[in-house]
Every structure is written in structure tokens, then in C-alpha cells.
Amino acid sequence: MGQLQLWLSALEMGCFFGLLALAYYLVLVGAGFFNFAIGPYAMVGGLCTSYLVLYEEMNVWAAAAVAITAAAALAVVTELVVVRPVQRRSGGGELPALVAVAAVLFAIQQLAGYLFGYTTLPGQNVLTFEPVSVGDTVVQPSTLVLLAFTVVAFAGLAVWIRSTRTGRLLRAVGDSTHAARLLGLPVNRVRLIAFVLSGLLAGITGLLFAPKAGVSSLSGLSWALSGFLAMVVGGTGSVWAPLFGGLLLGAVEVFVPYYFGGQSHVYGLLIVALLFFALKPSGLFVRRVRA
């Protein structure tokens, strides 16, 4: 494998991790909460699409619409049925809600296994065209679509958060939920928007990444951990911060096993996690709360 192919693979993995981290970021900024069900949302986006296309012979675009809608619906259920009631009963405590969301993570995986089976299904390409050759490197359509979506998603959300009333409300609620409630801001509506957007983003991300290595009902846990780690590394100081974290992890994921072989990337990711948790727990870009 040439160096250009390695860098392309690292970029693709980095964009995938970064998009998952962006979904985490939306909920963290808008609701002040780590939603570990992001990975299962992404898994549903990819797995549901593949199942409907392969077994129900549905058009790929129709299947994708159903899958992404299902991912967003799961995000709504997570907020309205799990997180919000648990936080209300626990006086706003985060730990009970985190435990409940961890249960949601495994519940979605089990439900997906029951509905779609436990085997790995090949991902489906939403766009098909001839691969692009760059020297000796062949760039697959799924890679180009994922890279393009990454740029659109990050740029679009950056503009939305800075330039729209709802985006500014998201930041205001994230800065201080208590102050936002005192000011009469629609905190619950903003939280729900954050969850819906994260579900949509995760569902699309899982759908676009699935063609690279397939998707199974067990993919949700590893994807949840990868996205969370990318957000921790990148920080929350900017909408673009999750992408930087994802790209760093993507480089570790690709280059460490290339040079050291085997499952060394697992140890590489573990070392990165330990270093950031110990030395820079706020990530590369630190969020500044407005006074």
C-alpha cells in the first residue's frame, strides 16, 4: 500500500470519527450531556439501509430515508423517554442519566440484532460512479461522498450555530442551562433539537461509512467509543474541534498498525486516550463560556 493510499485511508477514518464526535458535540453543547447512544444511531443508519436493500429489495434512497428517520426517532426517544425523565427524578444529576443512556446503547444493539440479524452486512452506496484515480491510488465513490459530506456537515453547522437564532440559542443553553431557564429561553425545545440533529447526523454518517467495512448490530459500541474519544481529543472550543480529534485518531488507526502490525492500533488509541485524559482533559480546543 502506497503512502498516498495510507493518508487517504487515515483521512477517511478521521472524517468518520470526526462526524461521530460532531454528533456528540451537538448534544453536549445543547444539553450539557454525553449521549453514548451516538454509535448505535450510526449503526442503525447503516444496518437498516443494508437490510432493506438486500432483503426487502427496497430502493437505496428510500431505504436510506427510512434508516435515517429511524436514527433520528431513536434520538428523540432517548431524550424524551430516558434522559429527561431520569434527570428530572434525580434532580438534574448526570450520573443516573449516563447509566440510563448506556443501557439504551445496549438495548438498541440488541433490538437491531433481533430485527436485522447478527451478521455483518455490506454497506450500500447511495451514489455510484466510476472510481477516481490519483496516480497509483484509486479513490472509491463511497470515500469521496464521505469526504464531501464531512465538509458540508461541519461548514453547515458552523454557519448555523453562529448565524441563526436557534443556533445561538443552542450555545446559550449550553453555556448555562440554569441561566437560560431564568431568562425564559426554550431549554427543552433546544435540547430536543440537539438530540434530533445528532441522530440525523449519526444516521447519515453510519450509512456513508458502512461501505468501507460493512456494518453489524455490534458496531454501535465501538463506534460510540471512537466518536467519544475523538470529541475528547478535539475538545469543544469550536465546531471544527471534533474534526481535528477525529483526524488525529484516524492517523493512529491507520499508521500504527501499518508500522507495528497486528492490533497495535488498539494500544495506540489507548495511549492517546490516557495522554489526553491525564495531560489535556479539555482537548485541543477549549470552550470559553461567555460571562
C-alpha atoms as a PDB file:
ATOM      1  CA  MET A   1       0.000   0.000   0.000  1.00  0.00           C
ATOM      2  CA  GLY A   2       1.435   3.378  -1.048  1.00  0.00           C
ATOM      3  CA  GLN A   3       1.796   6.375   1.213  1.00  0.00           C
ATOM      4  CA  LEU A   4      -0.961   8.268  -0.605  1.00  0.00           C
ATOM      5  CA  GLN A   5      -3.364   5.372  -0.064  1.00  0.00           C
ATOM      6  CA  LEU A   6      -2.439   5.323   3.620  1.00  0.00           C
ATOM      7  CA  TRP A   7      -3.094   9.023   4.000  1.00  0.00           C
ATOM      8  CA  LEU A   8      -6.386   8.665   2.149  1.00  0.00           C
ATOM      9  CA  SER A   9      -7.449   5.862   4.486  1.00  0.00           C
ATOM     10  CA  ALA A  10      -6.424   7.944   7.505  1.00  0.00           C
ATOM     11  CA  LEU A  11      -8.429  10.881   6.154  1.00  0.00           C
ATOM     12  CA  GLU A  12     -11.484   8.695   5.613  1.00  0.00           C
ATOM     13  CA  MET A  13     -11.285   7.217   9.103  1.00  0.00           C
ATOM     14  CA  GLY A  14     -10.647  10.654  10.555  1.00  0.00           C
ATOM     15  CA  CYS A  15     -13.715  12.111   8.862  1.00  0.00           C
ATOM     16  CA  PHE A  16     -15.840   9.232  10.149  1.00  0.00           C
ATOM     17  CA  PHE A  17     -14.597   9.682  13.724  1.00  0.00           C
ATOM     18  CA  GLY A  18     -14.959  13.439  13.400  1.00  0.00           C
ATOM     19  CA  LEU A  19     -18.585  13.228  12.262  1.00  0.00           C
ATOM     20  CA  LEU A  20     -19.459  10.954  15.163  1.00  0.00           C
ATOM     21  CA  ALA A  21     -17.688  13.383  17.503  1.00  0.00           C
ATOM     22  CA  LEU A  22     -19.691  16.246  15.981  1.00  0.00           C
ATOM     23  CA  ALA A  23     -22.898  14.414  16.885  1.00  0.00           C
ATOM     24  CA  TYR A  24     -21.594  14.148  20.465  1.00  0.00           C
ATOM     25  CA  TYR A  25     -20.692  17.831  20.351  1.00  0.00           C
ATOM     26  CA  LEU A  26     -24.212  18.907  19.391  1.00  0.00           C
ATOM     27  CA  VAL A  27     -25.772  17.169  22.390  1.00  0.00           C
ATOM     28  CA  LEU A  28     -23.021  18.274  24.761  1.00  0.00           C
ATOM     29  CA  VAL A  29     -23.331  21.928  23.709  1.00  0.00           C
ATOM     30  CA  GLY A  30     -27.112  21.932  23.513  1.00  0.00           C
ATOM     31  CA  ALA A  31     -27.937  19.732  26.504  1.00  0.00           C
ATOM     32  CA  GLY A  32     -24.724  19.522  28.539  1.00  0.00           C
ATOM     33  CA  PHE A  33     -24.802  15.756  28.254  1.00  0.00           C
ATOM     34  CA  PHE A  34     -22.691  12.927  26.808  1.00  0.00           C
ATOM     35  CA  ASN A  35     -25.003  10.838  24.653  1.00  0.00           C
ATOM     36  CA  PHE A  36     -23.247   7.482  24.317  1.00  0.00           C
ATOM     37  CA  ALA A  37     -26.043   6.209  22.084  1.00  0.00           C
ATOM     38  CA  ILE A  38     -24.499   8.104  19.137  1.00  0.00           C
ATOM     39  CA  GLY A  39     -22.720   4.936  17.980  1.00  0.00           C
ATOM     40  CA  PRO A  40     -25.913   2.845  17.875  1.00  0.00           C
ATOM     41  CA  TYR A  41     -27.708   5.631  15.957  1.00  0.00           C
ATOM     42  CA  ALA A  42     -24.958   5.417  13.330  1.00  0.00           C
ATOM     43  CA  MET A  43     -25.162   1.639  13.310  1.00  0.00           C
ATOM     44  CA  VAL A  44     -28.922   1.790  12.685  1.00  0.00           C
ATOM     45  CA  GLY A  45     -28.353   4.192   9.786  1.00  0.00           C
ATOM     46  CA  GLY A  46     -26.007   1.758   8.057  1.00  0.00           C
ATOM     47  CA  LEU A  47     -27.516  -1.574   9.068  1.00  0.00           C
ATOM     48  CA  CYS A  48     -31.155  -0.708   8.437  1.00  0.00           C
ATOM     49  CA  THR A  49     -30.306   0.600   4.969  1.00  0.00           C
ATOM     50  CA  SER A  50     -28.375  -2.550   4.053  1.00  0.00           C
ATOM     51  CA  TYR A  51     -31.108  -4.852   5.371  1.00  0.00           C
ATOM     52  CA  LEU A  52     -33.900  -3.076   3.489  1.00  0.00           C
ATOM     53  CA  VAL A  53     -31.935  -3.073   0.235  1.00  0.00           C
ATOM     54  CA  LEU A  54     -30.673  -6.669   0.453  1.00  0.00           C
ATOM     55  CA  TYR A  55     -33.671  -8.435   1.972  1.00  0.00           C
ATOM     56  CA  GLU A  56     -36.658  -6.209   1.212  1.00  0.00           C
ATOM     57  CA  GLU A  57     -35.348  -5.146  -2.224  1.00  0.00           C
ATOM     58  CA  MET A  58     -36.050  -1.512  -1.439  1.00  0.00           C
ATOM     59  CA  ASN A  59     -34.545   1.330  -3.428  1.00  0.00           C
ATOM     60  CA  VAL A  60     -31.354   2.512  -1.716  1.00  0.00           C
ATOM     61  CA  TRP A  61     -32.571   6.100  -1.356  1.00  0.00           C
ATOM     62  CA  ALA A  62     -35.883   5.014   0.151  1.00  0.00           C
ATOM     63  CA  ALA A  63     -34.061   2.621   2.483  1.00  0.00           C
ATOM     64  CA  ALA A  64     -31.665   5.378   3.499  1.00  0.00           C
ATOM     65  CA  ALA A  65     -34.577   7.709   4.271  1.00  0.00           C
ATOM     66  CA  VAL A  66     -36.199   5.065   6.484  1.00  0.00           C
ATOM     67  CA  ALA A  67     -32.922   4.318   8.266  1.00  0.00           C
ATOM     68  CA  ILE A  68     -32.021   7.952   8.921  1.00  0.00           C
ATOM     69  CA  THR A  69     -35.543   8.662  10.149  1.00  0.00           C
ATOM     70  CA  ALA A  70     -35.243   5.669  12.491  1.00  0.00           C
ATOM     71  CA  ALA A  71     -31.948   7.013  13.851  1.00  0.00           C
ATOM     72  CA  ALA A  72     -33.495  10.429  14.495  1.00  0.00           C
ATOM     73  CA  ALA A  73     -36.538   8.805  16.128  1.00  0.00           C
ATOM     74  CA  LEU A  74     -34.264   6.841  18.460  1.00  0.00           C
ATOM     75  CA  ALA A  75     -32.564  10.104  19.434  1.00  0.00           C
ATOM     76  CA  VAL A  76     -35.954  11.656  20.239  1.00  0.00           C
ATOM     77  CA  VAL A  77     -36.908   8.632  22.341  1.00  0.00           C
ATOM     78  CA  THR A  78     -33.576   8.803  24.158  1.00  0.00           C
ATOM     79  CA  GLU A  79     -34.208  12.407  25.175  1.00  0.00           C
ATOM     80  CA  LEU A  80     -37.954  12.319  25.914  1.00  0.00           C
ATOM     81  CA  VAL A  81     -38.308   8.829  27.388  1.00  0.00           C
ATOM     82  CA  VAL A  82     -34.924   8.255  29.027  1.00  0.00           C
ATOM     83  CA  VAL A  83     -32.680  11.264  29.654  1.00  0.00           C
ATOM     84  CA  ARG A  84     -35.219  13.949  30.540  1.00  0.00           C
ATOM     85  CA  PRO A  85     -37.321  11.848  32.967  1.00  0.00           C
ATOM     86  CA  VAL A  86     -34.227  10.390  34.658  1.00  0.00           C
ATOM     87  CA  GLN A  87     -32.646  13.812  35.113  1.00  0.00           C
ATOM     88  CA  ARG A  88     -35.912  15.199  36.454  1.00  0.00           C
ATOM     89  CA  ARG A  89     -36.255  12.422  39.016  1.00  0.00           C
ATOM     90  CA  SER A  90     -32.597  12.666  40.033  1.00  0.00           C
ATOM     91  CA  GLY A  91     -32.669  16.441  40.475  1.00  0.00           C
ATOM     92  CA  GLY A  92     -30.631  17.103  37.351  1.00  0.00           C
ATOM     93  CA  GLY A  93     -27.914  14.600  38.191  1.00  0.00           C
ATOM     94  CA  GLU A  94     -25.801  13.449  35.257  1.00  0.00           C
ATOM     95  CA  LEU A  95     -24.643  10.038  36.503  1.00  0.00           C
ATOM     96  CA  PRO A  96     -28.098   8.368  36.564  1.00  0.00           C
ATOM     97  CA  ALA A  97     -28.784   9.659  33.047  1.00  0.00           C
ATOM     98  CA  LEU A  98     -25.403   8.421  31.801  1.00  0.00           C
ATOM     99  CA  VAL A  99     -26.136   4.972  33.203  1.00  0.00           C
ATOM    100  CA  ALA A 100     -29.563   5.026  31.557  1.00  0.00           C
ATOM    101  CA  VAL A 101     -28.072   6.013  28.191  1.00  0.00           C
ATOM    102  CA  ALA A 102     -25.512   3.213  28.491  1.00  0.00           C
ATOM    103  CA  ALA A 103     -28.479   0.878  28.856  1.00  0.00           C
ATOM    104  CA  VAL A 104     -30.056   2.460  25.776  1.00  0.00           C
ATOM    105  CA  LEU A 105     -26.838   1.762  23.841  1.00  0.00           C
ATOM    106  CA  PHE A 106     -27.027  -1.966  24.518  1.00  0.00           C
ATOM    107  CA  ALA A 107     -30.808  -2.048  24.089  1.00  0.00           C
ATOM    108  CA  ILE A 108     -30.532  -0.579  20.582  1.00  0.00           C
ATOM    109  CA  GLN A 109     -27.829  -3.098  19.697  1.00  0.00           C
ATOM    110  CA  GLN A 110     -29.989  -5.998  20.869  1.00  0.00           C
ATOM    111  CA  LEU A 111     -33.043  -4.637  19.062  1.00  0.00           C
ATOM    112  CA  ALA A 112     -31.036  -4.208  15.860  1.00  0.00           C
ATOM    113  CA  GLY A 113     -29.752  -7.767  16.145  1.00  0.00           C
ATOM    114  CA  TYR A 114     -33.291  -9.062  16.605  1.00  0.00           C
ATOM    115  CA  LEU A 115     -34.658  -7.075  13.649  1.00  0.00           C
ATOM    116  CA  PHE A 116     -31.766  -7.264  11.186  1.00  0.00           C
ATOM    117  CA  GLY A 117     -29.746 -10.266  12.343  1.00  0.00           C
ATOM    118  CA  TYR A 118     -26.300 -10.514  13.903  1.00  0.00           C
ATOM    119  CA  THR A 119     -24.243 -10.999  10.747  1.00  0.00           C
ATOM    120  CA  THR A 120     -22.198  -8.253   9.130  1.00  0.00           C
ATOM    121  CA  LEU A 121     -23.932  -6.786   6.081  1.00  0.00           C
ATOM    122  CA  PRO A 122     -22.176  -4.938   3.261  1.00  0.00           C
ATOM    123  CA  GLY A 123     -22.766  -1.205   3.215  1.00  0.00           C
ATOM    124  CA  GLN A 124     -24.781   0.388   0.421  1.00  0.00           C
ATOM    125  CA  ASN A 125     -23.543   3.166  -1.849  1.00  0.00           C
ATOM    126  CA  VAL A 126     -26.040   5.989  -2.173  1.00  0.00           C
ATOM    127  CA  LEU A 127     -24.152   7.333  -5.188  1.00  0.00           C
ATOM    128  CA  THR A 128     -22.463   5.155  -7.795  1.00  0.00           C
ATOM    129  CA  PHE A 129     -19.910   6.416 -10.278  1.00  0.00           C
ATOM    130  CA  GLU A 130     -16.525   5.402 -11.576  1.00  0.00           C
ATOM    131  CA  PRO A 131     -13.653   5.427  -9.052  1.00  0.00           C
ATOM    132  CA  VAL A 132     -11.239   8.332  -9.384  1.00  0.00           C
ATOM    133  CA  SER A 133      -7.573   7.565  -9.988  1.00  0.00           C
ATOM    134  CA  VAL A 134      -4.920   9.776  -8.401  1.00  0.00           C
ATOM    135  CA  GLY A 135      -1.580   8.398  -9.535  1.00  0.00           C
ATOM    136  CA  ASP A 136      -1.447   4.792  -8.373  1.00  0.00           C
ATOM    137  CA  THR A 137      -4.233   5.397  -5.843  1.00  0.00           C
ATOM    138  CA  VAL A 138      -7.866   4.615  -6.607  1.00  0.00           C
ATOM    139  CA  VAL A 139     -10.435   6.646  -4.690  1.00  0.00           C
ATOM    140  CA  GLN A 140     -13.760   4.837  -4.292  1.00  0.00           C
ATOM    141  CA  PRO A 141     -17.080   6.696  -4.681  1.00  0.00           C
ATOM    142  CA  SER A 142     -18.028   5.989  -1.046  1.00  0.00           C
ATOM    143  CA  THR A 143     -14.836   7.710   0.111  1.00  0.00           C
ATOM    144  CA  LEU A 144     -15.487  10.822  -1.960  1.00  0.00           C
ATOM    145  CA  VAL A 145     -19.083  11.020  -0.741  1.00  0.00           C
ATOM    146  CA  LEU A 146     -17.990  10.708   2.900  1.00  0.00           C
ATOM    147  CA  LEU A 147     -15.314  13.393   2.499  1.00  0.00           C
ATOM    148  CA  ALA A 148     -17.740  15.758   0.771  1.00  0.00           C
ATOM    149  CA  PHE A 149     -20.400  15.210   3.416  1.00  0.00           C
ATOM    150  CA  THR A 150     -17.860  15.926   6.151  1.00  0.00           C
ATOM    151  CA  VAL A 151     -17.062  19.335   4.682  1.00  0.00           C
ATOM    152  CA  VAL A 152     -20.742  20.157   4.173  1.00  0.00           C
ATOM    153  CA  ALA A 153     -21.765  18.990   7.662  1.00  0.00           C
ATOM    154  CA  PHE A 154     -19.061  20.877   9.553  1.00  0.00           C
ATOM    155  CA  ALA A 155     -19.319  24.048   7.476  1.00  0.00           C
ATOM    156  CA  GLY A 156     -23.117  23.997   7.571  1.00  0.00           C
ATOM    157  CA  LEU A 157     -23.333  23.518  11.326  1.00  0.00           C
ATOM    158  CA  ALA A 158     -20.662  26.172  11.930  1.00  0.00           C
ATOM    159  CA  VAL A 159     -22.709  28.705   9.957  1.00  0.00           C
ATOM    160  CA  TRP A 160     -25.970  27.550  11.556  1.00  0.00           C
ATOM    161  CA  ILE A 161     -24.677  27.893  15.122  1.00  0.00           C
ATOM    162  CA  ARG A 162     -23.173  31.320  14.501  1.00  0.00           C
ATOM    163  CA  SER A 163     -25.782  32.875  12.232  1.00  0.00           C
ATOM    164  CA  THR A 164     -29.230  31.571  13.198  1.00  0.00           C
ATOM    165  CA  ARG A 165     -31.378  32.254  16.220  1.00  0.00           C
ATOM    166  CA  THR A 166     -31.746  28.550  17.007  1.00  0.00           C
ATOM    167  CA  GLY A 167     -28.008  28.040  16.726  1.00  0.00           C
ATOM    168  CA  ARG A 168     -27.326  30.913  19.113  1.00  0.00           C
ATOM    169  CA  LEU A 169     -29.932  29.506  21.499  1.00  0.00           C
ATOM    170  CA  LEU A 170     -28.071  26.197  21.407  1.00  0.00           C
ATOM    171  CA  ARG A 171     -24.891  27.911  22.549  1.00  0.00           C
ATOM    172  CA  ALA A 172     -26.719  29.950  25.178  1.00  0.00           C
ATOM    173  CA  VAL A 173     -28.344  26.896  26.708  1.00  0.00           C
ATOM    174  CA  GLY A 174     -25.039  25.067  26.622  1.00  0.00           C
ATOM    175  CA  ASP A 175     -23.251  27.936  28.365  1.00  0.00           C
ATOM    176  CA  SER A 176     -25.639  27.755  31.331  1.00  0.00           C
ATOM    177  CA  THR A 177     -28.866  25.791  31.380  1.00  0.00           C
ATOM    178  CA  HIS A 178     -29.869  27.351  34.710  1.00  0.00           C
ATOM    179  CA  ALA A 179     -29.383  30.894  33.415  1.00  0.00           C
ATOM    180  CA  ALA A 180     -31.223  30.030  30.218  1.00  0.00           C
ATOM    181  CA  ARG A 181     -34.225  28.825  32.214  1.00  0.00           C
ATOM    182  CA  LEU A 182     -34.207  32.004  34.333  1.00  0.00           C
ATOM    183  CA  LEU A 183     -34.218  34.069  31.126  1.00  0.00           C
ATOM    184  CA  GLY A 184     -37.199  32.125  29.846  1.00  0.00           C
ATOM    185  CA  LEU A 185     -35.381  30.506  26.952  1.00  0.00           C
ATOM    186  CA  PRO A 186     -36.974  27.332  25.468  1.00  0.00           C
ATOM    187  CA  VAL A 187     -34.458  24.955  27.035  1.00  0.00           C
ATOM    188  CA  ASN A 188     -36.420  21.757  26.446  1.00  0.00           C
ATOM    189  CA  ARG A 189     -37.029  22.601  22.788  1.00  0.00           C
ATOM    190  CA  VAL A 190     -33.368  23.407  22.243  1.00  0.00           C
ATOM    191  CA  ARG A 191     -32.335  20.135  23.886  1.00  0.00           C
ATOM    192  CA  LEU A 192     -34.697  18.200  21.640  1.00  0.00           C
ATOM    193  CA  ILE A 193     -33.320  19.944  18.537  1.00  0.00           C
ATOM    194  CA  ALA A 194     -29.789  18.994  19.616  1.00  0.00           C
ATOM    195  CA  PHE A 195     -30.778  15.343  20.010  1.00  0.00           C
ATOM    196  CA  VAL A 196     -32.628  15.243  16.681  1.00  0.00           C
ATOM    197  CA  LEU A 197     -29.722  16.803  14.798  1.00  0.00           C
ATOM    198  CA  SER A 198     -27.272  14.414  16.429  1.00  0.00           C
ATOM    199  CA  GLY A 199     -29.456  11.445  15.474  1.00  0.00           C
ATOM    200  CA  LEU A 200     -29.749  12.606  11.867  1.00  0.00           C
ATOM    201  CA  LEU A 201     -26.024  13.278  11.635  1.00  0.00           C
ATOM    202  CA  ALA A 202     -25.084   9.931  13.189  1.00  0.00           C
ATOM    203  CA  GLY A 203     -27.521   8.034  10.964  1.00  0.00           C
ATOM    204  CA  ILE A 204     -26.135   9.594   7.786  1.00  0.00           C
ATOM    205  CA  THR A 205     -22.562   9.041   8.981  1.00  0.00           C
ATOM    206  CA  GLY A 206     -23.132   5.343   9.635  1.00  0.00           C
ATOM    207  CA  LEU A 207     -24.814   4.950   6.260  1.00  0.00           C
ATOM    208  CA  LEU A 208     -21.923   6.607   4.397  1.00  0.00           C
ATOM    209  CA  PHE A 209     -19.171   4.761   6.274  1.00  0.00           C
ATOM    210  CA  ALA A 210     -20.733   1.279   6.087  1.00  0.00           C
ATOM    211  CA  PRO A 211     -19.447   0.519   2.541  1.00  0.00           C
ATOM    212  CA  LYS A 212     -15.862   0.640   3.826  1.00  0.00           C
ATOM    213  CA  ALA A 213     -16.021  -2.406   6.110  1.00  0.00           C
ATOM    214  CA  GLY A 214     -19.661  -3.429   6.454  1.00  0.00           C
ATOM    215  CA  VAL A 215     -21.878  -2.968   9.477  1.00  0.00           C
ATOM    216  CA  SER A 216     -23.380  -5.255  12.111  1.00  0.00           C
ATOM    217  CA  SER A 217     -25.566  -4.834  15.164  1.00  0.00           C
ATOM    218  CA  LEU A 218     -22.397  -4.916  17.291  1.00  0.00           C
ATOM    219  CA  SER A 219     -20.800  -1.952  15.505  1.00  0.00           C
ATOM    220  CA  GLY A 220     -22.575   0.555  17.721  1.00  0.00           C
ATOM    221  CA  LEU A 221     -20.392   0.142  20.801  1.00  0.00           C
ATOM    222  CA  SER A 222     -17.042   0.554  19.046  1.00  0.00           C
ATOM    223  CA  TRP A 223     -18.354   3.497  17.038  1.00  0.00           C
ATOM    224  CA  ALA A 224     -19.673   5.130  20.211  1.00  0.00           C
ATOM    225  CA  LEU A 225     -16.267   4.833  21.882  1.00  0.00           C
ATOM    226  CA  SER A 226     -14.407   6.111  18.808  1.00  0.00           C
ATOM    227  CA  GLY A 227     -16.652   9.159  18.473  1.00  0.00           C
ATOM    228  CA  PHE A 228     -16.419   9.946  22.169  1.00  0.00           C
ATOM    229  CA  LEU A 229     -12.633   9.722  22.142  1.00  0.00           C
ATOM    230  CA  ALA A 230     -12.435  11.953  19.056  1.00  0.00           C
ATOM    231  CA  MET A 231     -14.516  14.589  20.826  1.00  0.00           C
ATOM    232  CA  VAL A 232     -12.374  14.343  23.973  1.00  0.00           C
ATOM    233  CA  VAL A 233      -9.204  14.801  21.914  1.00  0.00           C
ATOM    234  CA  GLY A 234     -10.586  17.661  19.826  1.00  0.00           C
ATOM    235  CA  GLY A 235     -12.369  19.442  22.642  1.00  0.00           C
ATOM    236  CA  THR A 236     -15.422  21.662  22.459  1.00  0.00           C
ATOM    237  CA  GLY A 237     -13.823  25.050  21.755  1.00  0.00           C
ATOM    238  CA  SER A 238     -15.072  25.108  18.170  1.00  0.00           C
ATOM    239  CA  VAL A 239     -17.466  23.310  15.881  1.00  0.00           C
ATOM    240  CA  TRP A 240     -14.373  22.172  13.957  1.00  0.00           C
ATOM    241  CA  ALA A 241     -12.652  20.786  17.065  1.00  0.00           C
ATOM    242  CA  PRO A 242     -14.232  17.301  16.752  1.00  0.00           C
ATOM    243  CA  LEU A 243     -12.831  17.021  13.233  1.00  0.00           C
ATOM    244  CA  PHE A 244      -9.282  17.665  14.446  1.00  0.00           C
ATOM    245  CA  GLY A 245      -9.740  14.995  17.103  1.00  0.00           C
ATOM    246  CA  GLY A 246     -11.130  12.592  14.531  1.00  0.00           C
ATOM    247  CA  LEU A 247      -8.273  13.185  12.106  1.00  0.00           C
ATOM    248  CA  LEU A 248      -5.702  12.523  14.835  1.00  0.00           C
ATOM    249  CA  LEU A 249      -7.404   9.264  15.765  1.00  0.00           C
ATOM    250  CA  GLY A 250      -7.739   8.340  12.092  1.00  0.00           C
ATOM    251  CA  ALA A 251      -3.984   8.709  11.664  1.00  0.00           C
ATOM    252  CA  VAL A 252      -3.373   6.489  14.705  1.00  0.00           C
ATOM    253  CA  GLU A 253      -5.889   3.930  13.446  1.00  0.00           C
ATOM    254  CA  VAL A 254      -4.147   3.600  10.071  1.00  0.00           C
ATOM    255  CA  PHE A 255      -0.449   4.274  10.593  1.00  0.00           C
ATOM    256  CA  VAL A 256       0.169   2.463  13.893  1.00  0.00           C
ATOM    257  CA  PRO A 257      -0.841  -0.998  12.578  1.00  0.00           C
ATOM    258  CA  TYR A 258       0.953  -0.282   9.297  1.00  0.00           C
ATOM    259  CA  TYR A 259       4.274   0.198  11.085  1.00  0.00           C
ATOM    260  CA  PHE A 260       3.778  -2.048  14.128  1.00  0.00           C
ATOM    261  CA  GLY A 261       1.312  -4.645  12.807  1.00  0.00           C
ATOM    262  CA  GLY A 262      -1.463  -6.688  14.416  1.00  0.00           C
ATOM    263  CA  GLN A 263      -3.826  -4.979  16.818  1.00  0.00           C
ATOM    264  CA  SER A 264      -1.320  -2.288  17.736  1.00  0.00           C
ATOM    265  CA  HIS A 265      -3.826   0.429  16.804  1.00  0.00           C
ATOM    266  CA  VAL A 266      -5.836  -0.537  19.894  1.00  0.00           C
ATOM    267  CA  TYR A 267      -2.835   0.217  22.092  1.00  0.00           C
ATOM    268  CA  GLY A 268      -2.179   3.382  20.108  1.00  0.00           C
ATOM    269  CA  LEU A 269      -5.706   4.654  20.732  1.00  0.00           C
ATOM    270  CA  LEU A 270      -5.414   3.699  24.394  1.00  0.00           C
ATOM    271  CA  ILE A 271      -2.179   5.669  24.746  1.00  0.00           C
ATOM    272  CA  VAL A 272      -3.742   8.709  23.070  1.00  0.00           C
ATOM    273  CA  ALA A 273      -6.746   8.473  25.400  1.00  0.00           C
ATOM    274  CA  LEU A 274      -4.576   8.192  28.513  1.00  0.00           C
ATOM    275  CA  LEU A 275      -2.372  11.110  27.458  1.00  0.00           C
ATOM    276  CA  PHE A 276      -5.306  13.433  26.849  1.00  0.00           C
ATOM    277  CA  PHE A 277      -7.234  12.396  29.952  1.00  0.00           C
ATOM    278  CA  ALA A 278      -4.120  12.895  32.072  1.00  0.00           C
ATOM    279  CA  LEU A 279      -2.493  15.948  30.468  1.00  0.00           C
ATOM    280  CA  LYS A 280      -5.156  17.775  28.493  1.00  0.00           C
ATOM    281  CA  PRO A 281      -8.626  16.621  29.566  1.00  0.00           C
ATOM    282  CA  SER A 282     -10.283  19.636  27.916  1.00  0.00           C
ATOM    283  CA  GLY A 283      -8.975  18.612  24.500  1.00  0.00           C
ATOM    284  CA  LEU A 284      -7.053  20.535  21.860  1.00  0.00           C
ATOM    285  CA  PHE A 285      -9.605  23.361  21.699  1.00  0.00           C
ATOM    286  CA  VAL A 286     -11.070  24.580  24.970  1.00  0.00           C
ATOM    287  CA  ARG A 287     -14.517  26.102  25.048  1.00  0.00           C
ATOM    288  CA  ARG A 288     -14.747  29.550  26.605  1.00  0.00           C
ATOM    289  CA  VAL A 289     -18.011  30.259  28.401  1.00  0.00           C
ATOM    290  CA  ARG A 290     -19.238  33.767  27.871  1.00  0.00           C
ATOM    291  CA  ALA A 291     -19.722  35.784  31.021  1.00  0.00           C
END
